[in-house]
Amino acid sequence: MQPDGFTYLARTLIGQQLSVKAAGTIFQRIERLCGGITPDSFLSVAEESLRSAGSGASKGLGICLRPCCLGGG
């Protein structure tokens, strides 16, 4: 299945400079936190929760994606 643009961007940012397995694990944790990766679900999760899921290792995932969710990216 082809991911939508937002999901593709999230997966790409998570995967930067990580092993495939680590990136997959972090993406699954974030997907569980959000209940699926959409701009609205992503915005509903606290930045600290995203970091605790491992997004701190993926170059500021929240900083990169939150403006996109708000239409500013």
C-alpha atoms as a PDB file:
ATOM      1  CA  MET A   1       0.000   0.000   0.000  1.00  0.00           C
ATOM      2  CA  GLN A   2       1.317   3.455  -0.925  1.00  0.00           C
ATOM      3  CA  PRO A   3       1.483   5.763   2.134  1.00  0.00           C
ATOM      4  CA  ASP A   4       0.009   9.255   1.943  1.00  0.00           C
ATOM      5  CA  GLY A   5       2.441  12.166   1.764  1.00  0.00           C
ATOM      6  CA  PHE A   6       2.382  12.937   5.482  1.00  0.00           C
ATOM      7  CA  THR A   7       3.016   9.329   6.491  1.00  0.00           C
ATOM      8  CA  TYR A   8       5.814   9.091   3.932  1.00  0.00           C
ATOM      9  CA  LEU A   9       7.436  12.261   5.315  1.00  0.00           C
ATOM     10  CA  ALA A  10       7.162  10.988   8.899  1.00  0.00           C
ATOM     11  CA  ARG A  11       8.671   7.613   7.996  1.00  0.00           C
ATOM     12  CA  THR A  12      11.514   9.296   6.060  1.00  0.00           C
ATOM     13  CA  LEU A  13      12.397  11.641   8.930  1.00  0.00           C
ATOM     14  CA  ILE A  14      12.302   8.819  11.461  1.00  0.00           C
ATOM     15  CA  GLY A  15      14.549   6.694   9.286  1.00  0.00           C
ATOM     16  CA  GLN A  16      17.320   9.222   8.789  1.00  0.00           C
ATOM     17  CA  GLN A  17      20.598   7.960  10.191  1.00  0.00           C
ATOM     18  CA  LEU A  18      18.997   4.944  11.885  1.00  0.00           C
ATOM     19  CA  SER A  19      19.090   1.267  11.123  1.00  0.00           C
ATOM     20  CA  VAL A  20      16.025  -0.046   9.311  1.00  0.00           C
ATOM     21  CA  LYS A  21      15.001  -2.040  12.379  1.00  0.00           C
ATOM     22  CA  ALA A  22      15.352   0.916  14.782  1.00  0.00           C
ATOM     23  CA  ALA A  23      13.448   3.224  12.419  1.00  0.00           C
ATOM     24  CA  GLY A  24      10.651   0.655  12.064  1.00  0.00           C
ATOM     25  CA  THR A  25      10.367   0.264  15.840  1.00  0.00           C
ATOM     26  CA  ILE A  26      10.209   4.025  16.416  1.00  0.00           C
ATOM     27  CA  PHE A  27       7.653   4.492  13.635  1.00  0.00           C
ATOM     28  CA  GLN A  28       5.441   1.761  15.124  1.00  0.00           C
ATOM     29  CA  ARG A  29       5.637   3.373  18.582  1.00  0.00           C
ATOM     30  CA  ILE A  30       4.645   6.763  17.179  1.00  0.00           C
ATOM     31  CA  GLU A  31       1.897   5.223  15.076  1.00  0.00           C
ATOM     32  CA  ARG A  32       0.492   3.563  18.237  1.00  0.00           C
ATOM     33  CA  LEU A  33       0.695   6.842  20.179  1.00  0.00           C
ATOM     34  CA  CYS A  34      -1.128   8.701  17.424  1.00  0.00           C
ATOM     35  CA  GLY A  35      -3.620   5.955  16.624  1.00  0.00           C
ATOM     36  CA  GLY A  36      -2.427   6.189  13.008  1.00  0.00           C
ATOM     37  CA  ILE A  37      -0.243   8.840  11.409  1.00  0.00           C
ATOM     38  CA  THR A  38      -2.271  11.830  10.258  1.00  0.00           C
ATOM     39  CA  PRO A  39      -1.633  15.548  10.773  1.00  0.00           C
ATOM     40  CA  ASP A  40      -4.461  15.791  13.341  1.00  0.00           C
ATOM     41  CA  SER A  41      -3.431  12.689  15.286  1.00  0.00           C
ATOM     42  CA  PHE A  42       0.206  13.776  15.255  1.00  0.00           C
ATOM     43  CA  LEU A  43      -0.679  17.214  16.670  1.00  0.00           C
ATOM     44  CA  SER A  44      -2.719  15.587  19.433  1.00  0.00           C
ATOM     45  CA  VAL A  45       0.376  13.872  20.919  1.00  0.00           C
ATOM     46  CA  ALA A  46       2.614  15.816  23.291  1.00  0.00           C
ATOM     47  CA  GLU A  47       6.179  16.493  22.148  1.00  0.00           C
ATOM     48  CA  GLU A  48       7.496  14.685  25.239  1.00  0.00           C
ATOM     49  CA  SER A  49       5.522  11.564  24.308  1.00  0.00           C
ATOM     50  CA  LEU A  50       7.036  11.622  20.828  1.00  0.00           C
ATOM     51  CA  ARG A  51      10.513  11.921  22.320  1.00  0.00           C
ATOM     52  CA  SER A  52       9.839   9.052  24.724  1.00  0.00           C
ATOM     53  CA  ALA A  53       8.832   6.921  21.726  1.00  0.00           C
ATOM     54  CA  GLY A  54      12.269   7.572  20.263  1.00  0.00           C
ATOM     55  CA  SER A  55      11.717  10.510  17.931  1.00  0.00           C
ATOM     56  CA  GLY A  56      14.540  12.464  19.578  1.00  0.00           C
ATOM     57  CA  ALA A  57      16.926  10.272  17.633  1.00  0.00           C
ATOM     58  CA  SER A  58      15.301  11.248  14.356  1.00  0.00           C
ATOM     59  CA  LYS A  59      16.371  14.860  13.985  1.00  0.00           C
ATOM     60  CA  GLY A  60      13.557  16.697  15.717  1.00  0.00           C
ATOM     61  CA  LEU A  61      10.603  14.904  14.222  1.00  0.00           C
ATOM     62  CA  GLY A  62       8.133  17.205  15.964  1.00  0.00           C
ATOM     63  CA  ILE A  63       9.928  20.334  14.844  1.00  0.00           C
ATOM     64  CA  CYS A  64       9.909  19.122  11.255  1.00  0.00           C
ATOM     65  CA  LEU A  65       6.366  17.778  11.030  1.00  0.00           C
ATOM     66  CA  ARG A  66       4.286  20.087  13.223  1.00  0.00           C
ATOM     67  CA  PRO A  67       4.472  23.047  10.797  1.00  0.00           C
ATOM     68  CA  CYS A  68       3.321  20.707   8.007  1.00  0.00           C
ATOM     69  CA  CYS A  69       0.341  19.702  10.140  1.00  0.00           C
ATOM     70  CA  LEU A  70      -0.585  23.354  10.607  1.00  0.00           C
ATOM     71  CA  GLY A  71      -0.277  24.162   6.933  1.00  0.00           C
ATOM     72  CA  GLY A  72       2.918  26.152   7.356  1.00  0.00           C
ATOM     73  CA  GLY A  73       5.363  23.692   5.817  1.00  0.00           C
END
